[in-house]
């Protein structure tokens, strides 16, 4: 026996109206909170933290991924006085989220203390969240290495 509520399929009309009720938001939030988030220490005030996503973990020689959120690695680059101070490759734990991966990665970027993001392409939700947080988003051409992107954007000098 199939029970239908008011002739339609899906959740009952009372669902989602209070604690513990059925909703897609609770499923997405649960998958975000159950993801192991990468840990990175906050930068000091004189450090420009730039984050990009890469195909591999070879440091500044890595190629920037054409898919921002679904890239295998997150590269955290700390720059002091126009010179690279530290490069930290981190496995991207957000890439396997079924929904809301861009939003989850953008929230992590904000919490990491980044001031700039370099990407080939970015989804509208992640871009909007980063823009509202005051984080500068730089767009680069596909296939460029991290060091070449930093040089062409004028973030580092040699």
Protein backbone atom coordinates (compact mmCIF):
# COMPACT_ATOMS: atom_id res chain seq x y z
CA UNK A 1 0.00 0.00 0.00
CA UNK A 2 1.44 3.37 -1.07
CA UNK A 3 0.43 6.36 1.00
CA UNK A 4 0.21 9.59 -0.95
CA UNK A 5 -0.16 12.97 0.64
CA UNK A 6 -2.48 15.26 -1.29
CA UNK A 7 -1.92 13.34 -4.50
CA UNK A 8 1.82 13.93 -4.79
CA UNK A 9 4.96 11.96 -4.15
CA UNK A 10 7.80 12.99 -1.92
CA UNK A 11 7.90 14.02 1.70
CA UNK A 12 4.69 14.54 3.65
CA UNK A 13 3.41 18.13 3.98
CA UNK A 14 4.56 18.36 7.59
CA UNK A 15 8.17 17.37 6.80
CA UNK A 16 10.89 19.93 7.29
CA UNK A 17 8.98 22.01 9.85
CA UNK A 18 11.01 21.62 12.97
CA UNK A 19 13.76 19.61 14.53
CA UNK A 20 14.58 16.19 13.22
CA UNK A 21 12.33 16.37 10.19
CA UNK A 22 13.21 15.26 6.71
CA UNK A 23 14.96 17.82 4.49
CA UNK A 24 17.65 17.93 1.84
CA UNK A 25 19.43 20.65 3.79
CA UNK A 26 20.00 18.29 6.71
CA UNK A 27 21.48 15.68 4.37
CA UNK A 28 23.87 18.20 2.76
CA UNK A 29 24.85 19.65 6.14
CA UNK A 30 25.48 16.17 7.50
CA UNK A 31 27.76 15.27 4.58
CA UNK A 32 29.70 18.55 5.03
CA UNK A 33 30.20 18.07 8.75
CA UNK A 34 31.16 14.42 8.36
CA UNK A 35 33.95 15.31 5.91
CA UNK A 36 37.38 15.47 7.49
CA UNK A 37 38.42 19.05 6.95
CA UNK A 38 42.08 19.82 6.22
CA UNK A 39 43.92 21.56 9.04
CA UNK A 40 46.17 24.52 8.31
CA UNK A 41 47.43 27.12 10.76
CA UNK A 42 46.30 30.74 10.45
CA UNK A 43 48.72 33.10 8.70
CA UNK A 44 50.39 35.98 10.52
CA UNK A 45 49.20 39.49 9.55
CA UNK A 46 52.11 40.17 7.17
CA UNK A 47 51.48 37.00 5.12
CA UNK A 48 49.45 36.94 1.90
CA UNK A 49 47.81 33.53 1.77
CA UNK A 50 46.86 32.35 -1.71
CA UNK A 51 44.94 29.12 -2.31
CA UNK A 52 44.56 27.18 -5.53
CA UNK A 53 43.57 23.65 -6.46
CA UNK A 54 45.98 21.47 -8.41
CA UNK A 55 46.19 18.21 -10.30
CA UNK A 56 49.23 16.95 -8.35
CA UNK A 57 51.20 17.80 -5.22
CA UNK A 58 54.55 18.97 -6.64
CA UNK A 59 54.45 22.37 -4.95
CA UNK A 60 54.73 25.45 -7.15
CA UNK A 61 55.51 23.25 -10.17
CA UNK A 62 52.01 21.73 -9.99
CA UNK A 63 49.49 22.41 -12.72
CA UNK A 64 46.36 24.32 -11.65
CA UNK A 65 43.29 22.13 -12.04
CA UNK A 66 40.57 23.12 -14.52
CA UNK A 67 37.98 21.93 -11.98
CA UNK A 68 38.22 24.05 -8.85
CA UNK A 69 36.28 22.03 -6.31
CA UNK A 70 36.84 18.52 -7.66
CA UNK A 71 40.64 18.80 -7.93
CA UNK A 72 42.70 16.19 -6.06
CA UNK A 73 44.86 18.71 -4.14
CA UNK A 74 44.54 22.10 -2.46
CA UNK A 75 47.71 24.19 -2.57
CA UNK A 76 48.18 26.74 0.24
CA UNK A 77 50.84 29.32 -0.68
CA UNK A 78 52.07 31.86 1.86
CA UNK A 79 53.80 34.94 0.40
CA UNK A 80 55.81 37.47 2.42
CA UNK A 81 57.17 40.64 0.77
CA UNK A 82 56.66 39.25 -2.74
CA UNK A 83 58.54 36.02 -2.02
CA UNK A 84 57.15 32.55 -1.47
CA UNK A 85 57.50 31.73 2.21
CA UNK A 86 55.75 28.35 2.41
CA UNK A 87 53.88 25.97 0.09
CA UNK A 88 51.62 23.33 1.62
CA UNK A 89 49.88 20.72 -0.57
CA UNK A 90 46.81 19.21 1.09
CA UNK A 91 44.62 16.36 -0.20
CA UNK A 92 41.20 17.74 -1.16
CA UNK A 93 38.68 16.00 1.09
CA UNK A 94 35.81 18.06 -0.38
CA UNK A 95 36.07 16.56 -3.86
CA UNK A 96 33.94 13.52 -3.04
CA UNK A 97 30.99 15.34 -1.48
CA UNK A 98 27.79 14.56 -3.38
CA UNK A 99 26.34 18.08 -3.02
CA UNK A 100 27.63 21.44 -1.84
CA UNK A 101 31.32 20.74 -2.41
CA UNK A 102 32.00 24.24 -3.77
CA UNK A 103 30.30 25.90 -0.83
CA UNK A 104 32.14 23.67 1.66
CA UNK A 105 35.52 24.41 0.03
CA UNK A 106 34.76 28.15 -0.06
CA UNK A 107 33.88 28.11 3.65
CA UNK A 108 37.12 26.29 4.41
CA UNK A 109 39.10 28.84 2.37
CA UNK A 110 37.57 31.66 4.40
CA UNK A 111 38.38 29.89 7.68
CA UNK A 112 41.98 29.29 6.59
CA UNK A 113 42.69 33.01 6.40
CA UNK A 114 43.25 33.24 2.64
CA UNK A 115 43.20 36.62 0.93
CA UNK A 116 43.28 35.38 -2.68
CA UNK A 117 42.25 32.35 -4.75
CA UNK A 118 43.58 31.33 -8.16
CA UNK A 119 41.32 29.19 -10.35
CA UNK A 120 40.72 28.28 -13.98
CA UNK A 121 36.98 27.96 -13.46
CA UNK A 122 34.76 28.26 -10.40
CA UNK A 123 31.11 27.57 -9.71
CA UNK A 124 28.77 30.50 -9.03
CA UNK A 125 28.02 29.57 -5.41
CA UNK A 126 31.68 29.30 -4.40
CA UNK A 127 32.52 32.52 -6.27
CA UNK A 128 29.68 34.40 -4.55
CA UNK A 129 30.72 33.20 -1.07
CA UNK A 130 34.36 34.17 -1.63
CA UNK A 131 33.38 37.55 -3.07
CA UNK A 132 31.14 38.31 -0.09
CA UNK A 133 34.00 37.41 2.24
CA UNK A 134 36.29 39.89 0.48
CA UNK A 135 38.62 37.27 -0.99
CA UNK A 136 40.10 38.20 -4.39
CA UNK A 137 39.47 35.55 -7.07
CA UNK A 138 41.98 35.45 -9.95
CA UNK A 139 41.15 33.57 -13.14
CA UNK A 140 43.97 32.00 -15.16
CA UNK A 141 44.24 30.01 -18.38
CA UNK A 142 44.01 26.20 -18.29
CA UNK A 143 47.26 24.23 -18.06
CA UNK A 144 49.29 26.89 -16.26
CA UNK A 145 51.67 26.01 -13.42
CA UNK A 146 51.24 27.59 -9.99
CA UNK A 147 54.53 29.51 -10.15
CA UNK A 148 53.72 30.89 -13.61
CA UNK A 149 50.28 32.02 -12.42
CA UNK A 150 51.77 33.75 -9.37
CA UNK A 151 54.31 35.56 -11.58
CA UNK A 152 51.79 36.60 -14.23
CA UNK A 153 49.39 37.97 -11.60
CA UNK A 154 52.19 39.93 -9.94
CA UNK A 155 51.80 38.22 -6.59
CA UNK A 156 55.48 37.19 -6.44
CA UNK A 157 58.62 38.77 -7.81
CA UNK A 158 61.96 37.24 -8.67
